[in-house]
Amino acid sequence: MYILPPFAWMGFIYFLSDQPASGYARFRGILSFLPWRQELVHGVLYFVLAVLIARLAARTFPHRGAADTVKLAALAVLLAALYGVTDEIHQRYVPGRNPSWVGIIADTLGAIVAASLWVAWVRWREPLRPMTSAQARQARRPPGRDNGRPW
């Protein structure tokens, strides 16, 4: 069931970017007090998309340790950024909308922030997991012994 939320969110992004300029104007009024409202909206939308993709990747691919978590986060950023590029290409064909490099950059930055926070969360959460019995035995061994070998 982790596969549905990213695709649903991508559909929501597609719906928003499919609004012609006249329909898009009603969404603009909501955040009219912010100077970079369009870039902020892009960043937030792709922040959520990257979190959903990272969550899906973590449940789909087996991973161990921080290095694998960083790889999954990079995958989430890459996929979210690629979807951002396709979204900007799609906007080229919507009346009154124009593709923008600034939008792609905002999408990618939102995904990078999300992935960075996700990696930090996983690293913070890791020590809270209980140790297995083998890990506990390894931690109790005195230093200087070579894995319990008698020679």
N, C-alpha and C. Protein backbone atom coordinates (compact mmCIF):
# COMPACT_ATOMS: atom_id res chain seq x y z
N MET A 1 0.81 -1.21 0.00
CA MET A 1 0.00 0.00 0.00
C MET A 1 0.85 1.27 0.00
N TYR A 2 2.16 1.12 0.11
CA TYR A 2 3.02 2.30 0.11
C TYR A 2 3.18 2.88 -1.30
N ILE A 3 2.76 2.14 -2.32
CA ILE A 3 2.93 2.62 -3.69
C ILE A 3 1.83 3.61 -4.09
N LEU A 4 0.69 3.55 -3.46
CA LEU A 4 -0.42 4.43 -3.85
C LEU A 4 -0.20 5.91 -3.52
N PRO A 5 0.27 6.28 -2.33
CA PRO A 5 0.41 7.70 -2.02
C PRO A 5 1.31 8.50 -2.97
N PRO A 6 2.50 7.99 -3.38
CA PRO A 6 3.28 8.80 -4.32
C PRO A 6 2.56 9.04 -5.65
N PHE A 7 1.89 8.01 -6.15
CA PHE A 7 1.19 8.18 -7.42
C PHE A 7 -0.04 9.08 -7.27
N ALA A 8 -0.71 9.01 -6.16
CA ALA A 8 -1.83 9.92 -5.91
C ALA A 8 -1.33 11.36 -5.82
N TRP A 9 -0.19 11.56 -5.15
CA TRP A 9 0.36 12.91 -5.03
C TRP A 9 0.82 13.43 -6.40
N MET A 10 1.39 12.55 -7.22
CA MET A 10 1.77 12.96 -8.57
C MET A 10 0.54 13.36 -9.39
N GLY A 11 -0.56 12.64 -9.19
CA GLY A 11 -1.80 13.01 -9.86
C GLY A 11 -2.29 14.37 -9.40
N PHE A 12 -2.15 14.65 -8.11
CA PHE A 12 -2.54 15.96 -7.58
C PHE A 12 -1.68 17.07 -8.18
N ILE A 13 -0.37 16.83 -8.28
CA ILE A 13 0.52 17.81 -8.89
C ILE A 13 0.14 18.01 -10.36
N TYR A 14 -0.16 16.92 -11.06
CA TYR A 14 -0.57 17.02 -12.45
C TYR A 14 -1.84 17.85 -12.58
N PHE A 15 -2.80 17.61 -11.69
CA PHE A 15 -4.05 18.39 -11.70
C PHE A 15 -3.76 19.87 -11.53
N LEU A 16 -2.90 20.21 -10.57
CA LEU A 16 -2.58 21.62 -10.34
C LEU A 16 -1.88 22.25 -11.53
N SER A 17 -0.96 21.52 -12.15
CA SER A 17 -0.23 22.10 -13.27
C SER A 17 -1.05 22.10 -14.55
N ASP A 18 -2.16 21.37 -14.58
CA ASP A 18 -3.02 21.33 -15.75
C ASP A 18 -4.04 22.47 -15.77
N GLN A 19 -4.04 23.30 -14.71
CA GLN A 19 -4.96 24.43 -14.67
C GLN A 19 -4.47 25.53 -15.61
N PRO A 20 -5.36 26.01 -16.50
CA PRO A 20 -4.93 27.14 -17.35
C PRO A 20 -4.68 28.39 -16.52
N ALA A 21 -4.08 29.37 -17.13
CA ALA A 21 -3.71 30.59 -16.40
C ALA A 21 -4.91 31.21 -15.71
N SER A 22 -6.08 31.17 -16.31
CA SER A 22 -7.26 31.77 -15.68
C SER A 22 -7.68 30.97 -14.44
N GLY A 23 -7.58 29.65 -14.49
CA GLY A 23 -7.93 28.82 -13.33
C GLY A 23 -6.86 28.87 -12.26
N TYR A 24 -5.63 29.13 -12.68
CA TYR A 24 -4.51 29.17 -11.74
C TYR A 24 -4.57 30.43 -10.88
N ALA A 25 -5.21 31.48 -11.40
CA ALA A 25 -5.25 32.75 -10.68
C ALA A 25 -5.96 32.63 -9.34
N ARG A 26 -6.95 31.77 -9.23
CA ARG A 26 -7.66 31.63 -7.95
C ARG A 26 -6.77 31.00 -6.88
N PHE A 27 -5.82 30.14 -7.29
CA PHE A 27 -4.89 29.56 -6.32
C PHE A 27 -3.85 30.58 -5.88
N ARG A 28 -3.52 31.52 -6.76
CA ARG A 28 -2.51 32.53 -6.44
C ARG A 28 -2.92 33.42 -5.29
N GLY A 29 -4.21 33.75 -5.20
CA GLY A 29 -4.67 34.67 -4.18
C GLY A 29 -4.48 34.15 -2.77
N ILE A 30 -4.39 32.84 -2.60
CA ILE A 30 -4.27 32.24 -1.27
C ILE A 30 -2.97 32.67 -0.60
N LEU A 31 -1.89 32.70 -1.37
CA LEU A 31 -0.57 33.00 -0.81
C LEU A 31 -0.03 34.33 -1.34
N SER A 32 -0.90 35.28 -1.60
CA SER A 32 -0.47 36.52 -2.25
C SER A 32 0.46 37.36 -1.38
N PHE A 33 0.52 37.11 -0.07
CA PHE A 33 1.38 37.90 0.81
C PHE A 33 2.84 37.46 0.77
N LEU A 34 3.14 36.31 0.16
CA LEU A 34 4.52 35.82 0.10
C LEU A 34 5.20 36.29 -1.18
N PRO A 35 6.46 36.72 -1.10
CA PRO A 35 7.13 37.22 -2.30
C PRO A 35 7.43 36.12 -3.33
N TRP A 36 7.80 34.92 -2.88
CA TRP A 36 8.13 33.83 -3.79
C TRP A 36 7.12 32.71 -3.66
N ARG A 37 5.85 33.05 -3.76
CA ARG A 37 4.80 32.08 -3.49
C ARG A 37 4.83 30.90 -4.45
N GLN A 38 5.09 31.16 -5.73
CA GLN A 38 5.08 30.07 -6.70
C GLN A 38 6.21 29.08 -6.42
N GLU A 39 7.39 29.59 -6.12
CA GLU A 39 8.53 28.72 -5.82
C GLU A 39 8.31 27.97 -4.52
N LEU A 40 7.69 28.62 -3.55
CA LEU A 40 7.39 27.97 -2.28
C LEU A 40 6.41 26.82 -2.47
N VAL A 41 5.39 27.04 -3.28
CA VAL A 41 4.42 25.98 -3.56
C VAL A 41 5.11 24.82 -4.26
N HIS A 42 5.96 25.12 -5.23
CA HIS A 42 6.71 24.06 -5.91
C HIS A 42 7.54 23.27 -4.90
N GLY A 43 8.26 23.97 -4.05
CA GLY A 43 9.11 23.30 -3.07
C GLY A 43 8.33 22.42 -2.12
N VAL A 44 7.19 22.90 -1.64
CA VAL A 44 6.37 22.11 -0.71
C VAL A 44 5.79 20.89 -1.40
N LEU A 45 5.30 21.05 -2.62
CA LEU A 45 4.72 19.92 -3.34
C LEU A 45 5.74 18.81 -3.56
N TYR A 46 6.95 19.20 -3.93
CA TYR A 46 7.98 18.19 -4.20
C TYR A 46 8.68 17.72 -2.93
N PHE A 47 8.59 18.47 -1.86
CA PHE A 47 9.02 18.00 -0.54
C PHE A 47 8.18 16.78 -0.15
N VAL A 48 6.86 16.93 -0.27
CA VAL A 48 5.96 15.83 0.07
C VAL A 48 6.18 14.65 -0.86
N LEU A 49 6.35 14.91 -2.15
CA LEU A 49 6.58 13.82 -3.09
C LEU A 49 7.85 13.05 -2.75
N ALA A 50 8.92 13.73 -2.42
CA ALA A 50 10.18 13.05 -2.07
C ALA A 50 10.03 12.22 -0.80
N VAL A 51 9.28 12.72 0.17
CA VAL A 51 9.04 11.94 1.40
C VAL A 51 8.27 10.66 1.06
N LEU A 52 7.25 10.79 0.23
CA LEU A 52 6.46 9.60 -0.13
C LEU A 52 7.29 8.60 -0.93
N ILE A 53 8.14 9.09 -1.82
CA ILE A 53 9.00 8.19 -2.60
C ILE A 53 10.03 7.53 -1.69
N ALA A 54 10.62 8.28 -0.77
CA ALA A 54 11.61 7.71 0.15
C ALA A 54 10.97 6.64 1.03
N ARG A 55 9.76 6.90 1.48
CA ARG A 55 9.04 5.93 2.30
C ARG A 55 8.77 4.66 1.51
N LEU A 56 8.37 4.80 0.25
CA LEU A 56 8.15 3.64 -0.61
C LEU A 56 9.45 2.88 -0.84
N ALA A 57 10.53 3.60 -1.12
CA ALA A 57 11.81 2.96 -1.38
C ALA A 57 12.31 2.22 -0.15
N ALA A 58 12.13 2.80 1.02
CA ALA A 58 12.58 2.15 2.25
C ALA A 58 11.81 0.87 2.52
N ARG A 59 10.55 0.83 2.15
CA ARG A 59 9.75 -0.38 2.34
C ARG A 59 9.97 -1.41 1.25
N THR A 60 10.43 -0.97 0.08
CA THR A 60 10.58 -1.87 -1.07
C THR A 60 11.95 -2.52 -1.12
N PHE A 61 13.00 -1.71 -0.94
CA PHE A 61 14.36 -2.21 -1.06
C PHE A 61 14.95 -2.48 0.32
N PRO A 62 15.57 -3.65 0.49
CA PRO A 62 16.22 -3.90 1.78
C PRO A 62 17.43 -2.98 1.92
N HIS A 63 17.58 -2.40 3.08
CA HIS A 63 18.70 -1.50 3.30
C HIS A 63 19.23 -1.69 4.70
N ARG A 64 20.54 -1.50 4.81
CA ARG A 64 21.20 -1.60 6.11
C ARG A 64 22.14 -0.42 6.25
N GLY A 65 21.99 0.27 7.31
CA GLY A 65 22.94 1.31 7.64
C GLY A 65 22.70 2.64 6.94
N ALA A 66 23.56 3.58 7.30
CA ALA A 66 23.42 4.96 6.84
C ALA A 66 23.71 5.09 5.34
N ALA A 67 24.65 4.34 4.82
CA ALA A 67 25.00 4.47 3.40
C ALA A 67 23.82 4.10 2.51
N ASP A 68 23.12 3.04 2.86
CA ASP A 68 21.95 2.65 2.08
C ASP A 68 20.83 3.66 2.22
N THR A 69 20.69 4.26 3.38
CA THR A 69 19.66 5.28 3.58
C THR A 69 19.94 6.48 2.70
N VAL A 70 21.19 6.86 2.59
CA VAL A 70 21.57 8.00 1.73
C VAL A 70 21.29 7.66 0.27
N LYS A 71 21.56 6.43 -0.14
CA LYS A 71 21.27 6.02 -1.52
C LYS A 71 19.77 6.08 -1.81
N LEU A 72 18.96 5.62 -0.88
CA LEU A 72 17.51 5.69 -1.07
C LEU A 72 17.02 7.13 -1.11
N ALA A 73 17.63 7.98 -0.30
CA ALA A 73 17.26 9.41 -0.32
C ALA A 73 17.65 10.03 -1.66
N ALA A 74 18.81 9.67 -2.18
CA ALA A 74 19.24 10.19 -3.48
C ALA A 74 18.30 9.72 -4.59
N LEU A 75 17.85 8.48 -4.48
CA LEU A 75 16.87 7.96 -5.44
C LEU A 75 15.57 8.76 -5.38
N ALA A 76 15.13 9.08 -4.18
CA ALA A 76 13.90 9.87 -4.01
C ALA A 76 14.06 11.26 -4.62
N VAL A 77 15.21 11.89 -4.41
CA VAL A 77 15.46 13.21 -4.99
C VAL A 77 15.48 13.12 -6.51
N LEU A 78 16.16 12.12 -7.04
CA LEU A 78 16.25 11.96 -8.48
C LEU A 78 14.87 11.77 -9.11
N LEU A 79 14.07 10.89 -8.54
CA LEU A 79 12.74 10.63 -9.10
C LEU A 79 11.82 11.85 -8.98
N ALA A 80 11.89 12.54 -7.85
CA ALA A 80 11.06 13.74 -7.68
C ALA A 80 11.51 14.84 -8.66
N ALA A 81 12.81 15.00 -8.84
CA ALA A 81 13.32 16.02 -9.76
C ALA A 81 12.94 15.69 -11.20
N LEU A 82 13.02 14.41 -11.56
CA LEU A 82 12.62 14.01 -12.92
C LEU A 82 11.13 14.27 -13.14
N TYR A 83 10.32 14.00 -12.14
CA TYR A 83 8.90 14.29 -12.28
C TYR A 83 8.69 15.80 -12.39
N GLY A 84 9.50 16.58 -11.69
CA GLY A 84 9.42 18.04 -11.80
C GLY A 84 9.73 18.52 -13.21
N VAL A 85 10.71 17.89 -13.86
CA VAL A 85 11.04 18.24 -15.24
C VAL A 85 9.87 17.91 -16.15
N THR A 86 9.29 16.71 -15.99
CA THR A 86 8.14 16.36 -16.83
C THR A 86 6.94 17.27 -16.55
N ASP A 87 6.80 17.73 -15.34
CA ASP A 87 5.72 18.65 -15.00
C ASP A 87 5.91 19.99 -15.70
N GLU A 88 7.14 20.47 -15.74
CA GLU A 88 7.39 21.73 -16.44
C GLU A 88 7.19 21.58 -17.94
N ILE A 89 7.56 20.44 -18.50
CA ILE A 89 7.30 20.19 -19.92
C ILE A 89 5.79 20.16 -20.17
N HIS A 90 5.05 19.53 -19.27
CA HIS A 90 3.59 19.47 -19.38
C HIS A 90 2.99 20.88 -19.37
N GLN A 91 3.52 21.77 -18.53
CA GLN A 91 2.99 23.13 -18.44
C GLN A 91 3.18 23.91 -19.73
N ARG A 92 4.12 23.48 -20.55
CA ARG A 92 4.33 24.16 -21.84
C ARG A 92 3.08 24.06 -22.72
N TYR A 93 2.32 23.00 -22.55
CA TYR A 93 1.15 22.76 -23.40
C TYR A 93 -0.15 23.19 -22.75
N VAL A 94 -0.08 23.80 -21.59
CA VAL A 94 -1.28 24.29 -20.91
C VAL A 94 -1.43 25.77 -21.25
N PRO A 95 -2.64 26.19 -21.69
CA PRO A 95 -2.82 27.59 -22.09
C PRO A 95 -2.50 28.56 -20.95
N GLY A 96 -1.65 29.54 -21.26
CA GLY A 96 -1.31 30.57 -20.29
C GLY A 96 -0.24 30.18 -19.30
N ARG A 97 0.27 28.97 -19.36
CA ARG A 97 1.32 28.52 -18.44
C ARG A 97 2.62 28.40 -19.20
N ASN A 98 3.71 28.63 -18.53
CA ASN A 98 5.03 28.55 -19.15
C ASN A 98 5.96 27.70 -18.30
N PRO A 99 6.79 26.88 -18.95
CA PRO A 99 7.79 26.14 -18.16
C PRO A 99 8.86 27.09 -17.65
N SER A 100 9.48 26.73 -16.54
CA SER A 100 10.46 27.61 -15.94
C SER A 100 11.57 26.80 -15.28
N TRP A 101 12.80 27.25 -15.48
CA TRP A 101 13.94 26.62 -14.80
C TRP A 101 13.86 26.87 -13.30
N VAL A 102 13.29 28.01 -12.93
CA VAL A 102 13.14 28.32 -11.50
C VAL A 102 12.22 27.30 -10.84
N GLY A 103 11.19 26.88 -11.55
CA GLY A 103 10.30 25.85 -11.02
C GLY A 103 11.01 24.52 -10.82
N ILE A 104 11.85 24.15 -11.77
CA ILE A 104 12.61 22.91 -11.65
C ILE A 104 13.58 22.98 -10.47
N ILE A 105 14.23 24.13 -10.32
CA ILE A 105 15.15 24.30 -9.19
C ILE A 105 14.40 24.24 -7.86
N ALA A 106 13.23 24.88 -7.80
CA ALA A 106 12.43 24.85 -6.56
C ALA A 106 11.95 23.44 -6.26
N ASP A 107 11.56 22.70 -7.30
CA ASP A 107 11.14 21.31 -7.11
C ASP A 107 12.28 20.48 -6.53
N THR A 108 13.45 20.63 -7.13
CA THR A 108 14.61 19.85 -6.69
C THR A 108 15.05 20.23 -5.29
N LEU A 109 15.04 21.51 -4.98
CA LEU A 109 15.41 21.94 -3.63
C LEU A 109 14.42 21.41 -2.59
N GLY A 110 13.14 21.43 -2.90
CA GLY A 110 12.16 20.86 -1.98
C GLY A 110 12.41 19.39 -1.73
N ALA A 111 12.75 18.65 -2.80
CA ALA A 111 13.05 17.22 -2.67
C ALA A 111 14.33 16.99 -1.88
N ILE A 112 15.34 17.84 -2.08
CA ILE A 112 16.61 17.70 -1.35
C ILE A 112 16.39 17.94 0.14
N VAL A 113 15.62 18.96 0.47
CA VAL A 113 15.34 19.24 1.89
C VAL A 113 14.61 18.05 2.52
N ALA A 114 13.62 17.52 1.81
CA ALA A 114 12.88 16.37 2.34
C ALA A 114 13.79 15.17 2.54
N ALA A 115 14.62 14.87 1.56
CA ALA A 115 15.51 13.71 1.66
C ALA A 115 16.53 13.90 2.78
N SER A 116 17.03 15.11 2.93
CA SER A 116 17.99 15.38 4.01
C SER A 116 17.36 15.18 5.37
N LEU A 117 16.15 15.68 5.54
CA LEU A 117 15.45 15.50 6.81
C LEU A 117 15.12 14.04 7.06
N TRP A 118 14.79 13.30 5.99
CA TRP A 118 14.49 11.88 6.14
C TRP A 118 15.73 11.10 6.58
N VAL A 119 16.89 11.41 5.97
CA VAL A 119 18.14 10.75 6.37
C VAL A 119 18.47 11.07 7.82
N ALA A 120 18.32 12.33 8.20
CA ALA A 120 18.58 12.72 9.59
C ALA A 120 17.64 11.99 10.55
N TRP A 121 16.39 11.86 10.17
CA TRP A 121 15.41 11.15 11.00
C TRP A 121 15.80 9.69 11.16
N VAL A 122 16.18 9.03 10.07
CA VAL A 122 16.55 7.62 10.14
C VAL A 122 17.80 7.44 10.99
N ARG A 123 18.78 8.31 10.83
CA ARG A 123 20.01 8.21 11.63
C ARG A 123 19.74 8.47 13.10
N TRP A 124 18.83 9.38 13.39
CA TRP A 124 18.49 9.66 14.79
C TRP A 124 17.74 8.49 15.40
N ARG A 125 16.89 7.87 14.61
CA ARG A 125 16.06 6.78 15.08
C ARG A 125 16.82 5.47 15.22
N GLU A 126 17.88 5.26 14.45
CA GLU A 126 18.64 4.01 14.45
C GLU A 126 19.08 3.57 15.83
N PRO A 127 19.70 4.42 16.65
CA PRO A 127 20.18 3.94 17.95
C PRO A 127 19.03 3.54 18.88
N LEU A 128 17.83 3.93 18.58
CA LEU A 128 16.71 3.60 19.45
C LEU A 128 16.21 2.17 19.26
N ARG A 129 16.64 1.53 18.18
CA ARG A 129 16.22 0.16 17.95
C ARG A 129 16.93 -0.77 18.92
N PRO A 130 16.24 -1.76 19.46
CA PRO A 130 16.90 -2.68 20.39
C PRO A 130 17.95 -3.53 19.67
N MET A 131 19.03 -3.84 20.40
CA MET A 131 20.10 -4.65 19.83
C MET A 131 19.67 -6.11 19.79
N THR A 132 20.15 -6.82 18.79
CA THR A 132 19.95 -8.26 18.75
C THR A 132 20.88 -8.90 19.77
N SER A 133 20.67 -10.16 20.07
CA SER A 133 21.51 -10.83 21.06
C SER A 133 22.96 -10.92 20.58
N ALA A 134 23.18 -11.08 19.27
CA ALA A 134 24.55 -11.14 18.75
C ALA A 134 25.23 -9.77 18.90
N GLN A 135 24.50 -8.70 18.66
CA GLN A 135 25.08 -7.37 18.83
C GLN A 135 25.39 -7.11 20.30
N ALA A 136 24.55 -7.57 21.20
CA ALA A 136 24.79 -7.38 22.63
C ALA A 136 26.03 -8.14 23.08
N ARG A 137 26.20 -9.39 22.59
CA ARG A 137 27.41 -10.16 22.94
C ARG A 137 28.66 -9.46 22.42
N GLN A 138 28.59 -8.93 21.21
CA GLN A 138 29.74 -8.23 20.63
C GLN A 138 30.08 -6.99 21.46
N ALA A 139 29.07 -6.27 21.93
CA ALA A 139 29.31 -5.05 22.70
C ALA A 139 29.91 -5.36 24.07
N ARG A 140 29.63 -6.55 24.64
CA ARG A 140 30.14 -6.91 25.97
C ARG A 140 31.56 -7.45 25.93
N ARG A 141 32.07 -7.81 24.77
CA ARG A 141 33.42 -8.37 24.68
C ARG A 141 34.44 -7.33 25.08
N PRO A 142 35.43 -7.73 25.88
CA PRO A 142 36.48 -6.77 26.26
C PRO A 142 37.36 -6.45 25.06
N PRO A 143 37.90 -5.26 25.01
CA PRO A 143 38.78 -4.91 23.89
C PRO A 143 40.05 -5.74 23.93
N GLY A 144 40.60 -5.99 22.78
CA GLY A 144 41.85 -6.74 22.71
C GLY A 144 41.64 -8.20 22.37
N ARG A 145 40.45 -8.71 22.57
CA ARG A 145 40.19 -10.09 22.20
C ARG A 145 39.80 -10.13 20.74
N ASP A 146 40.27 -11.13 20.05
CA ASP A 146 40.01 -11.24 18.61
C ASP A 146 38.81 -12.12 18.38
N ASN A 147 37.64 -11.59 18.57
CA ASN A 147 36.37 -12.27 18.34
C ASN A 147 36.27 -13.60 19.09
N GLY A 148 36.88 -13.71 20.24
CA GLY A 148 36.75 -14.91 21.07
C GLY A 148 37.61 -16.07 20.63
N ARG A 149 38.52 -15.85 19.69
CA ARG A 149 39.37 -16.96 19.24
C ARG A 149 40.44 -17.23 20.29
N PRO A 150 40.76 -18.50 20.56
CA PRO A 150 41.71 -18.82 21.62
C PRO A 150 43.18 -18.57 21.22
N TRP A 151 43.51 -18.40 19.98
CA TRP A 151 44.93 -18.23 19.64
C TRP A 151 45.33 -16.81 19.49
